[in-house]
């Protein structure tokens, strides 16, 4: 129960003194029929219904089941007026959060900074459906600004959001643009992000080294006696894994993919259209490779991309203090 009390009392007067000078929130949080008032850190009163809060948040359910204290930040009702509960959130954040609980139009977010404050509040009040919805939006907005998303998530202790941002950062080359939010995380937090990326690079490159899942019969152009490479690779041939000499074009393709995966250790690198075009172009230079095999290049790249994605998905971002 201490967790419940700590969550709702943030921003309240610990001496239980009467809170004055507040203003009313906008519709629909200004109805006198409400049975509880949430007073924000900037002194705006949101008149809300307990039933709606209880449906959205098990923390509010637990809080409303507690006997009201005789002293503390909850302002006792006067003449049957609803109790006033101080909360730490600003009126802007609480308005957005409550609109996601009420049967009204959902708020619109355009920046990561807007989302992170509401996501942090939803996480604190255990509003899991709202957390899930905001996490999806977070991933969309983070696609263009993964470094900022990572920094904001670390600042607000949002582990899932930080992990999501770190994964999206793999889609981009280093170092990425600068954001002021990076000034508010520690070197250790940034080091963990780079360490995570390096582990993903290692795993992604391993997928190009161990090709035992490949059957030579599925891709005849991988082994070509007309244009052999000087380096052997391991793949499955005649039911057994063995070292073989791949075709020159295939070896060159693997070399290109290794360079791309070092820059972006994710399936996006494997699916790079330029790399595929270069492979097809190389194959046309061999009288054996150029006949009928180009169509399977896309299939091979898709399978390799799946292997890269599967391996990288198992790498875990270390989360510590910000």
C-alpha atoms as a PDB file:
ATOM      1  CA  UNK A   1       0.000   0.000   0.000  1.00  0.00           C
ATOM      2  CA  UNK A   2       2.970   2.284   0.488  1.00  0.00           C
ATOM      3  CA  UNK A   3       3.518   2.190  -3.279  1.00  0.00           C
ATOM      4  CA  UNK A   4      -0.047   3.406  -3.825  1.00  0.00           C
ATOM      5  CA  UNK A   5       0.296   6.242  -1.356  1.00  0.00           C
ATOM      6  CA  UNK A   6       3.661   7.319  -2.774  1.00  0.00           C
ATOM      7  CA  UNK A   7       2.305   7.406  -6.321  1.00  0.00           C
ATOM      8  CA  UNK A   8      -0.712   9.567  -5.599  1.00  0.00           C
ATOM      9  CA  UNK A   9       0.861  11.868  -3.054  1.00  0.00           C
ATOM     10  CA  UNK A  10       3.703  13.143  -5.204  1.00  0.00           C
ATOM     11  CA  UNK A  11       3.328  16.898  -5.451  1.00  0.00           C
ATOM     12  CA  UNK A  12       0.955  17.127  -2.492  1.00  0.00           C
ATOM     13  CA  UNK A  13       1.507  19.095   0.689  1.00  0.00           C
ATOM     14  CA  UNK A  14       2.908  16.546   3.187  1.00  0.00           C
ATOM     15  CA  UNK A  15       1.443  18.556   6.066  1.00  0.00           C
ATOM     16  CA  UNK A  16      -2.077  18.206   4.726  1.00  0.00           C
ATOM     17  CA  UNK A  17      -2.617  21.950   4.575  1.00  0.00           C
ATOM     18  CA  UNK A  18      -5.547  23.222   2.567  1.00  0.00           C
ATOM     19  CA  UNK A  19      -4.721  23.784  -1.099  1.00  0.00           C
ATOM     20  CA  UNK A  20      -6.076  27.030  -2.476  1.00  0.00           C
ATOM     21  CA  UNK A  21      -5.903  29.087  -5.633  1.00  0.00           C
ATOM     22  CA  UNK A  22      -6.676  26.281  -8.077  1.00  0.00           C
ATOM     23  CA  UNK A  23      -8.445  26.635 -11.417  1.00  0.00           C
ATOM     24  CA  UNK A  24     -10.896  24.328 -13.142  1.00  0.00           C
ATOM     25  CA  UNK A  25      -9.848  22.024 -15.958  1.00  0.00           C
ATOM     26  CA  UNK A  26     -11.556  22.137 -19.349  1.00  0.00           C
ATOM     27  CA  UNK A  27     -14.357  19.869 -20.563  1.00  0.00           C
ATOM     28  CA  UNK A  28     -15.055  17.065 -19.807  1.00  0.00           C
ATOM     29  CA  UNK A  29     -13.169  17.390 -16.525  1.00  0.00           C
ATOM     30  CA  UNK A  30     -15.219  20.245 -15.129  1.00  0.00           C
ATOM     31  CA  UNK A  31     -18.497  18.511 -14.408  1.00  0.00           C
ATOM     32  CA  UNK A  32     -19.910  18.992 -10.897  1.00  0.00           C
ATOM     33  CA  UNK A  33     -21.311  15.453 -11.029  1.00  0.00           C
ATOM     34  CA  UNK A  34     -17.771  14.074 -10.616  1.00  0.00           C
ATOM     35  CA  UNK A  35     -17.020  12.211  -7.386  1.00  0.00           C
ATOM     36  CA  UNK A  36     -13.282  12.931  -7.044  1.00  0.00           C
ATOM     37  CA  UNK A  37     -10.945  15.797  -7.947  1.00  0.00           C
ATOM     38  CA  UNK A  38      -7.343  15.409  -9.086  1.00  0.00           C
ATOM     39  CA  UNK A  39      -5.342  18.560  -8.415  1.00  0.00           C
ATOM     40  CA  UNK A  40      -2.206  18.887 -10.555  1.00  0.00           C
ATOM     41  CA  UNK A  41       1.171  20.298  -9.630  1.00  0.00           C
ATOM     42  CA  UNK A  42       0.268  23.562 -11.367  1.00  0.00           C
ATOM     43  CA  UNK A  43      -2.992  23.801  -9.359  1.00  0.00           C
ATOM     44  CA  UNK A  44      -5.600  22.770 -11.938  1.00  0.00           C
ATOM     45  CA  UNK A  45      -8.573  20.747 -10.670  1.00  0.00           C
ATOM     46  CA  UNK A  46      -9.778  17.820 -12.783  1.00  0.00           C
ATOM     47  CA  UNK A  47     -13.244  16.668 -11.726  1.00  0.00           C
ATOM     48  CA  UNK A  48     -13.376  12.998 -12.678  1.00  0.00           C
ATOM     49  CA  UNK A  49     -15.322   9.843 -12.004  1.00  0.00           C
ATOM     50  CA  UNK A  50     -13.865   7.159  -9.775  1.00  0.00           C
ATOM     51  CA  UNK A  51     -15.433   4.403 -11.862  1.00  0.00           C
ATOM     52  CA  UNK A  52     -13.533   5.455 -14.981  1.00  0.00           C
ATOM     53  CA  UNK A  53     -10.236   5.739 -13.109  1.00  0.00           C
ATOM     54  CA  UNK A  54     -10.761   2.336 -11.517  1.00  0.00           C
ATOM     55  CA  UNK A  55     -11.333   0.731 -14.916  1.00  0.00           C
ATOM     56  CA  UNK A  56      -8.143   2.289 -16.283  1.00  0.00           C
ATOM     57  CA  UNK A  57      -5.842   1.909 -13.298  1.00  0.00           C
ATOM     58  CA  UNK A  58      -5.544  -0.819 -10.647  1.00  0.00           C
ATOM     59  CA  UNK A  59      -3.569   1.686  -8.593  1.00  0.00           C
ATOM     60  CA  UNK A  60      -6.580   4.008  -8.354  1.00  0.00           C
ATOM     61  CA  UNK A  61      -8.758   0.998  -7.558  1.00  0.00           C
ATOM     62  CA  UNK A  62      -6.503   0.153  -4.628  1.00  0.00           C
ATOM     63  CA  UNK A  63      -6.360   3.768  -3.512  1.00  0.00           C
ATOM     64  CA  UNK A  64     -10.132   4.247  -3.498  1.00  0.00           C
ATOM     65  CA  UNK A  65     -10.527   1.087  -1.416  1.00  0.00           C
ATOM     66  CA  UNK A  66      -8.361   2.540   1.352  1.00  0.00           C
ATOM     67  CA  UNK A  67      -9.907   4.446   4.254  1.00  0.00           C
ATOM     68  CA  UNK A  68      -9.328   8.168   3.858  1.00  0.00           C
ATOM     69  CA  UNK A  69      -6.543   9.445   6.146  1.00  0.00           C
ATOM     70  CA  UNK A  70      -7.228  12.030   8.794  1.00  0.00           C
ATOM     71  CA  UNK A  71      -4.005  13.824   7.867  1.00  0.00           C
ATOM     72  CA  UNK A  72      -2.103  13.978   4.603  1.00  0.00           C
ATOM     73  CA  UNK A  73      -2.292  15.446   1.135  1.00  0.00           C
ATOM     74  CA  UNK A  74      -5.874  14.383   0.389  1.00  0.00           C
ATOM     75  CA  UNK A  75      -8.164  17.337   1.093  1.00  0.00           C
ATOM     76  CA  UNK A  76     -11.237  16.127   2.974  1.00  0.00           C
ATOM     77  CA  UNK A  77     -14.593  16.817   1.309  1.00  0.00           C
ATOM     78  CA  UNK A  78     -16.635  19.708   2.635  1.00  0.00           C
ATOM     79  CA  UNK A  79     -20.438  19.557   2.584  1.00  0.00           C
ATOM     80  CA  UNK A  80     -20.504  16.397   0.411  1.00  0.00           C
ATOM     81  CA  UNK A  81     -18.043  17.879  -2.097  1.00  0.00           C
ATOM     82  CA  UNK A  82     -15.698  15.320  -3.666  1.00  0.00           C
ATOM     83  CA  UNK A  83     -12.290  14.701  -2.117  1.00  0.00           C
ATOM     84  CA  UNK A  84      -9.336  16.517  -3.694  1.00  0.00           C
ATOM     85  CA  UNK A  85      -6.257  14.397  -4.430  1.00  0.00           C
ATOM     86  CA  UNK A  86      -2.990  16.197  -5.291  1.00  0.00           C
ATOM     87  CA  UNK A  87      -0.899  14.566  -8.043  1.00  0.00           C
ATOM     88  CA  UNK A  88       2.554  15.467  -9.309  1.00  0.00           C
ATOM     89  CA  UNK A  89       1.716  15.667 -13.008  1.00  0.00           C
ATOM     90  CA  UNK A  90       1.174  18.968 -14.785  1.00  0.00           C
ATOM     91  CA  UNK A  91      -2.264  19.829 -16.133  1.00  0.00           C
ATOM     92  CA  UNK A  92      -1.057  19.250 -19.700  1.00  0.00           C
ATOM     93  CA  UNK A  93       0.095  15.726 -18.932  1.00  0.00           C
ATOM     94  CA  UNK A  94      -2.924  14.802 -16.827  1.00  0.00           C
ATOM     95  CA  UNK A  95      -5.337  16.152 -19.441  1.00  0.00           C
ATOM     96  CA  UNK A  96      -3.789  13.942 -22.120  1.00  0.00           C
ATOM     97  CA  UNK A  97      -3.699  10.920 -19.824  1.00  0.00           C
ATOM     98  CA  UNK A  98      -7.322  11.266 -18.741  1.00  0.00           C
ATOM     99  CA  UNK A  99      -8.520  11.780 -22.318  1.00  0.00           C
ATOM    100  CA  UNK A 100      -7.036   8.377 -23.118  1.00  0.00           C
ATOM    101  CA  UNK A 101      -9.172   6.947 -20.295  1.00  0.00           C
ATOM    102  CA  UNK A 102     -12.436   8.739 -21.135  1.00  0.00           C
ATOM    103  CA  UNK A 103     -14.737   8.038 -24.109  1.00  0.00           C
ATOM    104  CA  UNK A 104     -13.655  11.227 -25.867  1.00  0.00           C
ATOM    105  CA  UNK A 105     -11.323  12.017 -28.751  1.00  0.00           C
ATOM    106  CA  UNK A 106      -7.806  10.854 -27.963  1.00  0.00           C
ATOM    107  CA  UNK A 107      -5.089  13.496 -27.692  1.00  0.00           C
ATOM    108  CA  UNK A 108      -2.667  13.960 -30.575  1.00  0.00           C
ATOM    109  CA  UNK A 109       1.076  13.803 -29.995  1.00  0.00           C
ATOM    110  CA  UNK A 110       3.695  15.061 -32.406  1.00  0.00           C
ATOM    111  CA  UNK A 111       6.947  14.884 -30.418  1.00  0.00           C
ATOM    112  CA  UNK A 112       8.782  12.369 -28.267  1.00  0.00           C
ATOM    113  CA  UNK A 113       8.954  14.920 -25.453  1.00  0.00           C
ATOM    114  CA  UNK A 114       5.141  15.045 -25.328  1.00  0.00           C
ATOM    115  CA  UNK A 115       4.752  11.277 -25.369  1.00  0.00           C
ATOM    116  CA  UNK A 116       7.385  10.475 -22.751  1.00  0.00           C
ATOM    117  CA  UNK A 117       5.694  12.511 -20.000  1.00  0.00           C
ATOM    118  CA  UNK A 118       2.309  10.879 -20.540  1.00  0.00           C
ATOM    119  CA  UNK A 119       3.905   7.441 -20.960  1.00  0.00           C
ATOM    120  CA  UNK A 120       5.757   7.909 -17.692  1.00  0.00           C
ATOM    121  CA  UNK A 121       2.515   8.867 -15.911  1.00  0.00           C
ATOM    122  CA  UNK A 122       0.617   5.929 -17.438  1.00  0.00           C
ATOM    123  CA  UNK A 123       3.386   3.616 -16.328  1.00  0.00           C
ATOM    124  CA  UNK A 124       3.314   5.026 -12.800  1.00  0.00           C
ATOM    125  CA  UNK A 125      -0.445   4.586 -12.477  1.00  0.00           C
ATOM    126  CA  UNK A 126      -0.289   1.098 -14.070  1.00  0.00           C
ATOM    127  CA  UNK A 127      -2.565   2.057 -16.970  1.00  0.00           C
ATOM    128  CA  UNK A 128      -1.342  -0.852 -19.052  1.00  0.00           C
ATOM    129  CA  UNK A 129      -3.595  -0.390 -22.095  1.00  0.00           C
ATOM    130  CA  UNK A 130      -2.478   3.219 -22.384  1.00  0.00           C
ATOM    131  CA  UNK A 131       1.151   2.186 -21.905  1.00  0.00           C
ATOM    132  CA  UNK A 132       0.793  -0.276 -24.795  1.00  0.00           C
ATOM    133  CA  UNK A 133      -0.780   2.328 -27.090  1.00  0.00           C
ATOM    134  CA  UNK A 134       1.831   4.960 -26.279  1.00  0.00           C
ATOM    135  CA  UNK A 135       4.658   2.454 -26.695  1.00  0.00           C
ATOM    136  CA  UNK A 136       3.519   1.800 -30.267  1.00  0.00           C
ATOM    137  CA  UNK A 137       3.411   5.528 -30.969  1.00  0.00           C
ATOM    138  CA  UNK A 138       6.807   5.896 -29.313  1.00  0.00           C
ATOM    139  CA  UNK A 139       8.355   3.452 -31.793  1.00  0.00           C
ATOM    140  CA  UNK A 140       6.904   5.396 -34.724  1.00  0.00           C
ATOM    141  CA  UNK A 141       8.213   8.756 -33.526  1.00  0.00           C
ATOM    142  CA  UNK A 142      11.567   7.268 -32.511  1.00  0.00           C
ATOM    143  CA  UNK A 143      12.275   6.058 -36.047  1.00  0.00           C
ATOM    144  CA  UNK A 144      13.605   9.491 -37.018  1.00  0.00           C
ATOM    145  CA  UNK A 145      15.145  10.335 -33.616  1.00  0.00           C
ATOM    146  CA  UNK A 146      16.263   7.137 -31.876  1.00  0.00           C
ATOM    147  CA  UNK A 147      19.057   8.812 -29.911  1.00  0.00           C
ATOM    148  CA  UNK A 148      16.680  11.374 -28.460  1.00  0.00           C
ATOM    149  CA  UNK A 149      14.153   8.633 -27.737  1.00  0.00           C
ATOM    150  CA  UNK A 150      16.790   6.613 -25.905  1.00  0.00           C
ATOM    151  CA  UNK A 151      17.907   9.599 -23.832  1.00  0.00           C
ATOM    152  CA  UNK A 152      14.355  10.553 -22.856  1.00  0.00           C
ATOM    153  CA  UNK A 153      13.508   6.965 -21.920  1.00  0.00           C
ATOM    154  CA  UNK A 154      16.599   6.714 -19.717  1.00  0.00           C
ATOM    155  CA  UNK A 155      15.830  10.053 -18.045  1.00  0.00           C
ATOM    156  CA  UNK A 156      12.297   8.896 -17.204  1.00  0.00           C
ATOM    157  CA  UNK A 157      13.303   5.338 -16.223  1.00  0.00           C
ATOM    158  CA  UNK A 158      11.269   3.717 -18.997  1.00  0.00           C
ATOM    159  CA  UNK A 159      13.147   0.484 -19.683  1.00  0.00           C
ATOM    160  CA  UNK A 160      10.901  -0.838 -22.451  1.00  0.00           C
ATOM    161  CA  UNK A 161      10.970   2.490 -24.265  1.00  0.00           C
ATOM    162  CA  UNK A 162      14.761   2.624 -23.958  1.00  0.00           C
ATOM    163  CA  UNK A 163      15.094  -0.891 -25.382  1.00  0.00           C
ATOM    164  CA  UNK A 164      12.766   0.014 -28.250  1.00  0.00           C
ATOM    165  CA  UNK A 165      14.808   3.120 -29.056  1.00  0.00           C
ATOM    166  CA  UNK A 166      18.087   1.184 -28.912  1.00  0.00           C
ATOM    167  CA  UNK A 167      16.738  -1.350 -31.399  1.00  0.00           C
ATOM    168  CA  UNK A 168      15.559   1.403 -33.739  1.00  0.00           C
ATOM    169  CA  UNK A 169      18.996   3.038 -33.453  1.00  0.00           C
ATOM    170  CA  UNK A 170      20.356  -0.043 -35.270  1.00  0.00           C
ATOM    171  CA  UNK A 171      18.549   1.196 -38.395  1.00  0.00           C
ATOM    172  CA  UNK A 172      20.825   4.258 -38.460  1.00  0.00           C
ATOM    173  CA  UNK A 173      24.535   4.777 -38.966  1.00  0.00           C
ATOM    174  CA  UNK A 174      26.734   6.218 -36.225  1.00  0.00           C
ATOM    175  CA  UNK A 175      26.923   8.655 -34.633  1.00  0.00           C
ATOM    176  CA  UNK A 176      23.569  10.220 -35.447  1.00  0.00           C
ATOM    177  CA  UNK A 177      22.424  13.820 -34.834  1.00  0.00           C
ATOM    178  CA  UNK A 178      22.949  15.560 -31.505  1.00  0.00           C
ATOM    179  CA  UNK A 179      20.055  16.292 -29.137  1.00  0.00           C
ATOM    180  CA  UNK A 180      20.135  18.374 -25.957  1.00  0.00           C
ATOM    181  CA  UNK A 181      18.535  15.486 -24.051  1.00  0.00           C
ATOM    182  CA  UNK A 182      21.834  13.603 -24.343  1.00  0.00           C
ATOM    183  CA  UNK A 183      23.286  16.089 -21.848  1.00  0.00           C
ATOM    184  CA  UNK A 184      20.978  14.658 -19.182  1.00  0.00           C
ATOM    185  CA  UNK A 185      22.161  11.049 -19.298  1.00  0.00           C
ATOM    186  CA  UNK A 186      25.422   9.673 -17.973  1.00  0.00           C
ATOM    187  CA  UNK A 187      28.348   8.434 -20.000  1.00  0.00           C
ATOM    188  CA  UNK A 188      27.577   4.993 -18.599  1.00  0.00           C
ATOM    189  CA  UNK A 189      24.074   5.059 -20.099  1.00  0.00           C
ATOM    190  CA  UNK A 190      25.471   6.022 -23.497  1.00  0.00           C
ATOM    191  CA  UNK A 191      28.194   3.373 -23.183  1.00  0.00           C
ATOM    192  CA  UNK A 192      25.529   0.703 -22.613  1.00  0.00           C
ATOM    193  CA  UNK A 193      23.830   1.786 -25.828  1.00  0.00           C
ATOM    194  CA  UNK A 194      27.078   1.503 -27.814  1.00  0.00           C
ATOM    195  CA  UNK A 195      27.901  -1.827 -26.175  1.00  0.00           C
ATOM    196  CA  UNK A 196      24.462  -3.134 -27.147  1.00  0.00           C
ATOM    197  CA  UNK A 197      25.062  -2.027 -30.717  1.00  0.00           C
ATOM    198  CA  UNK A 198      28.473  -3.713 -30.866  1.00  0.00           C
ATOM    199  CA  UNK A 199      26.959  -6.979 -29.641  1.00  0.00           C
ATOM    200  CA  UNK A 200      24.302  -6.695 -32.351  1.00  0.00           C
ATOM    201  CA  UNK A 201      27.038  -6.173 -34.964  1.00  0.00           C
ATOM    202  CA  UNK A 202      28.811  -9.326 -33.793  1.00  0.00           C
ATOM    203  CA  UNK A 203      25.599 -11.371 -33.929  1.00  0.00           C
ATOM    204  CA  UNK A 204      24.631  -9.996 -37.343  1.00  0.00           C
ATOM    205  CA  UNK A 205      28.041 -10.758 -38.819  1.00  0.00           C
ATOM    206  CA  UNK A 206      27.878 -14.284 -37.410  1.00  0.00           C
ATOM    207  CA  UNK A 207      24.824 -14.906 -39.592  1.00  0.00           C
ATOM    208  CA  UNK A 208      26.955 -14.283 -42.696  1.00  0.00           C
ATOM    209  CA  UNK A 209      29.731 -16.587 -41.445  1.00  0.00           C
ATOM    210  CA  UNK A 210      27.681 -19.615 -40.442  1.00  0.00           C
ATOM    211  CA  UNK A 211      25.629 -20.564 -43.489  1.00  0.00           C
ATOM    212  CA  UNK A 212      24.915 -24.136 -42.413  1.00  0.00           C
ATOM    213  CA  UNK A 213      21.212 -23.434 -42.865  1.00  0.00           C
ATOM    214  CA  UNK A 214      21.809 -22.942 -46.603  1.00  0.00           C
ATOM    215  CA  UNK A 215      21.309 -25.812 -49.003  1.00  0.00           C
ATOM    216  CA  UNK A 216      23.500 -25.565 -52.052  1.00  0.00           C
ATOM    217  CA  UNK A 217      20.763 -27.173 -54.118  1.00  0.00           C
ATOM    218  CA  UNK A 218      18.393 -24.278 -53.333  1.00  0.00           C
ATOM    219  CA  UNK A 219      20.780 -21.695 -54.744  1.00  0.00           C
ATOM    220  CA  UNK A 220      22.975 -23.258 -57.443  1.00  0.00           C
ATOM    221  CA  UNK A 221      24.683 -19.933 -58.128  1.00  0.00           C
ATOM    222  CA  UNK A 222      26.292 -20.009 -54.672  1.00  0.00           C
ATOM    223  CA  UNK A 223      28.719 -22.661 -55.923  1.00  0.00           C
ATOM    224  CA  UNK A 224      30.055 -22.079 -59.412  1.00  0.00           C
ATOM    225  CA  UNK A 225      33.100 -23.813 -60.901  1.00  0.00           C
ATOM    226  CA  UNK A 226      33.229 -21.192 -63.627  1.00  0.00           C
ATOM    227  CA  UNK A 227      33.763 -18.236 -61.248  1.00  0.00           C
ATOM    228  CA  UNK A 228      34.962 -19.673 -57.933  1.00  0.00           C
ATOM    229  CA  UNK A 229      36.091 -17.557 -54.987  1.00  0.00           C
ATOM    230  CA  UNK A 230      39.378 -18.082 -53.160  1.00  0.00           C
ATOM    231  CA  UNK A 231      37.687 -18.264 -49.728  1.00  0.00           C
ATOM    232  CA  UNK A 232      35.741 -21.236 -48.435  1.00  0.00           C
ATOM    233  CA  UNK A 233      32.374 -21.037 -46.650  1.00  0.00           C
ATOM    234  CA  UNK A 234      30.421 -23.630 -44.683  1.00  0.00           C
ATOM    235  CA  UNK A 235      26.981 -24.658 -45.905  1.00  0.00           C
ATOM    236  CA  UNK A 236      24.846 -27.767 -46.300  1.00  0.00           C
ATOM    237  CA  UNK A 237      25.487 -29.870 -49.385  1.00  0.00           C
ATOM    238  CA  UNK A 238      24.136 -33.384 -49.990  1.00  0.00           C
ATOM    239  CA  UNK A 239      22.689 -33.441 -46.481  1.00  0.00           C
ATOM    240  CA  UNK A 240      25.922 -32.583 -44.676  1.00  0.00           C
ATOM    241  CA  UNK A 241      27.628 -29.370 -43.653  1.00  0.00           C
ATOM    242  CA  UNK A 242      30.939 -28.906 -45.414  1.00  0.00           C
ATOM    243  CA  UNK A 243      33.366 -26.232 -46.506  1.00  0.00           C
ATOM    244  CA  UNK A 244      33.054 -25.274 -50.160  1.00  0.00           C
ATOM    245  CA  UNK A 245      34.348 -22.664 -52.538  1.00  0.00           C
ATOM    246  CA  UNK A 246      31.491 -20.246 -53.274  1.00  0.00           C
ATOM    247  CA  UNK A 247      31.091 -18.377 -56.515  1.00  0.00           C
ATOM    248  CA  UNK A 248      32.945 -15.099 -56.842  1.00  0.00           C
ATOM    249  CA  UNK A 249      29.747 -13.028 -57.047  1.00  0.00           C
ATOM    250  CA  UNK A 250      28.363 -14.678 -53.907  1.00  0.00           C
ATOM    251  CA  UNK A 251      31.570 -14.080 -51.939  1.00  0.00           C
ATOM    252  CA  UNK A 252      31.592 -10.457 -53.055  1.00  0.00           C
ATOM    253  CA  UNK A 253      27.971 -10.168 -51.942  1.00  0.00           C
ATOM    254  CA  UNK A 254      28.825 -11.477 -48.469  1.00  0.00           C
ATOM    255  CA  UNK A 255      31.698  -9.014 -48.252  1.00  0.00           C
ATOM    256  CA  UNK A 256      29.381  -6.136 -49.139  1.00  0.00           C
ATOM    257  CA  UNK A 257      26.802  -7.271 -46.587  1.00  0.00           C
ATOM    258  CA  UNK A 258      29.455  -7.434 -43.857  1.00  0.00           C
ATOM    259  CA  UNK A 259      30.324  -3.795 -44.498  1.00  0.00           C
ATOM    260  CA  UNK A 260      26.646  -2.808 -44.443  1.00  0.00           C
ATOM    261  CA  UNK A 261      25.952  -4.806 -41.266  1.00  0.00           C
ATOM    262  CA  UNK A 262      28.812  -3.102 -39.450  1.00  0.00           C
ATOM    263  CA  UNK A 263      27.118   0.195 -40.258  1.00  0.00           C
ATOM    264  CA  UNK A 264      23.555  -0.944 -39.547  1.00  0.00           C
ATOM    265  CA  UNK A 265      23.314  -4.334 -37.786  1.00  0.00           C
ATOM    266  CA  UNK A 266      19.753  -5.184 -38.775  1.00  0.00           C
ATOM    267  CA  UNK A 267      17.717  -6.692 -41.598  1.00  0.00           C
ATOM    268  CA  UNK A 268      17.555  -3.320 -43.361  1.00  0.00           C
ATOM    269  CA  UNK A 269      21.238  -3.703 -44.269  1.00  0.00           C
ATOM    270  CA  UNK A 270      20.692  -7.153 -45.791  1.00  0.00           C
ATOM    271  CA  UNK A 271      17.738  -5.912 -47.813  1.00  0.00           C
ATOM    272  CA  UNK A 272      19.722  -2.984 -49.228  1.00  0.00           C
ATOM    273  CA  UNK A 273      18.629  -2.680 -52.887  1.00  0.00           C
ATOM    274  CA  UNK A 274      22.070  -1.515 -54.030  1.00  0.00           C
ATOM    275  CA  UNK A 275      23.766  -4.643 -52.646  1.00  0.00           C
ATOM    276  CA  UNK A 276      21.242  -6.854 -54.398  1.00  0.00           C
ATOM    277  CA  UNK A 277      21.710  -4.992 -57.680  1.00  0.00           C
ATOM    278  CA  UNK A 278      25.484  -5.349 -57.454  1.00  0.00           C
ATOM    279  CA  UNK A 279      25.169  -9.100 -56.924  1.00  0.00           C
ATOM    280  CA  UNK A 280      22.900  -9.487 -59.936  1.00  0.00           C
ATOM    281  CA  UNK A 281      25.289  -7.371 -61.970  1.00  0.00           C
ATOM    282  CA  UNK A 282      28.241  -9.566 -60.933  1.00  0.00           C
ATOM    283  CA  UNK A 283      26.305 -12.700 -61.842  1.00  0.00           C
ATOM    284  CA  UNK A 284      25.724 -11.502 -65.367  1.00  0.00           C
ATOM    285  CA  UNK A 285      29.485 -11.603 -65.871  1.00  0.00           C
ATOM    286  CA  UNK A 286      29.524 -15.403 -65.530  1.00  0.00           C
ATOM    287  CA  UNK A 287      28.123 -17.495 -68.359  1.00  0.00           C
ATOM    288  CA  UNK A 288      26.753 -20.060 -65.842  1.00  0.00           C
ATOM    289  CA  UNK A 289      25.460 -17.777 -63.077  1.00  0.00           C
ATOM    290  CA  UNK A 290      23.584 -15.400 -65.344  1.00  0.00           C
ATOM    291  CA  UNK A 291      21.014 -17.925 -66.547  1.00  0.00           C
ATOM    292  CA  UNK A 292      17.892 -18.153 -64.401  1.00  0.00           C
ATOM    293  CA  UNK A 293      19.363 -17.598 -60.959  1.00  0.00           C
ATOM    294  CA  UNK A 294      18.779 -13.890 -60.428  1.00  0.00           C
ATOM    295  CA  UNK A 295      15.203 -14.505 -59.290  1.00  0.00           C
ATOM    296  CA  UNK A 296      16.405 -16.406 -56.200  1.00  0.00           C
ATOM    297  CA  UNK A 297      18.646 -13.586 -54.987  1.00  0.00           C
ATOM    298  CA  UNK A 298      15.735 -11.818 -53.281  1.00  0.00           C
ATOM    299  CA  UNK A 299      14.724 -15.070 -51.565  1.00  0.00           C
ATOM    300  CA  UNK A 300      18.247 -15.635 -50.270  1.00  0.00           C
ATOM    301  CA  UNK A 301      18.476 -12.068 -48.946  1.00  0.00           C
ATOM    302  CA  UNK A 302      15.102 -12.435 -47.213  1.00  0.00           C
ATOM    303  CA  UNK A 303      16.216 -15.650 -45.486  1.00  0.00           C
ATOM    304  CA  UNK A 304      19.504 -14.128 -44.422  1.00  0.00           C
ATOM    305  CA  UNK A 305      17.646 -11.034 -43.152  1.00  0.00           C
ATOM    306  CA  UNK A 306      15.440 -13.330 -41.043  1.00  0.00           C
ATOM    307  CA  UNK A 307      18.554 -14.958 -39.556  1.00  0.00           C
ATOM    308  CA  UNK A 308      20.048 -11.567 -38.732  1.00  0.00           C
ATOM    309  CA  UNK A 309      16.822 -10.332 -37.166  1.00  0.00           C
ATOM    310  CA  UNK A 310      16.395 -13.504 -35.130  1.00  0.00           C
ATOM    311  CA  UNK A 311      19.902 -13.239 -33.717  1.00  0.00           C
ATOM    312  CA  UNK A 312      19.792  -9.511 -33.005  1.00  0.00           C
ATOM    313  CA  UNK A 313      16.409  -9.824 -31.266  1.00  0.00           C
ATOM    314  CA  UNK A 314      18.071 -11.965 -28.589  1.00  0.00           C
ATOM    315  CA  UNK A 315      20.578  -9.255 -27.665  1.00  0.00           C
ATOM    316  CA  UNK A 316      19.485  -7.450 -24.491  1.00  0.00           C
ATOM    317  CA  UNK A 317      20.169  -3.814 -23.699  1.00  0.00           C
ATOM    318  CA  UNK A 318      21.727  -3.407 -20.266  1.00  0.00           C
ATOM    319  CA  UNK A 319      19.694  -0.928 -18.238  1.00  0.00           C
ATOM    320  CA  UNK A 320      21.207   0.839 -15.252  1.00  0.00           C
ATOM    321  CA  UNK A 321      21.114   4.241 -13.688  1.00  0.00           C
ATOM    322  CA  UNK A 322      20.640   7.158 -16.051  1.00  0.00           C
END
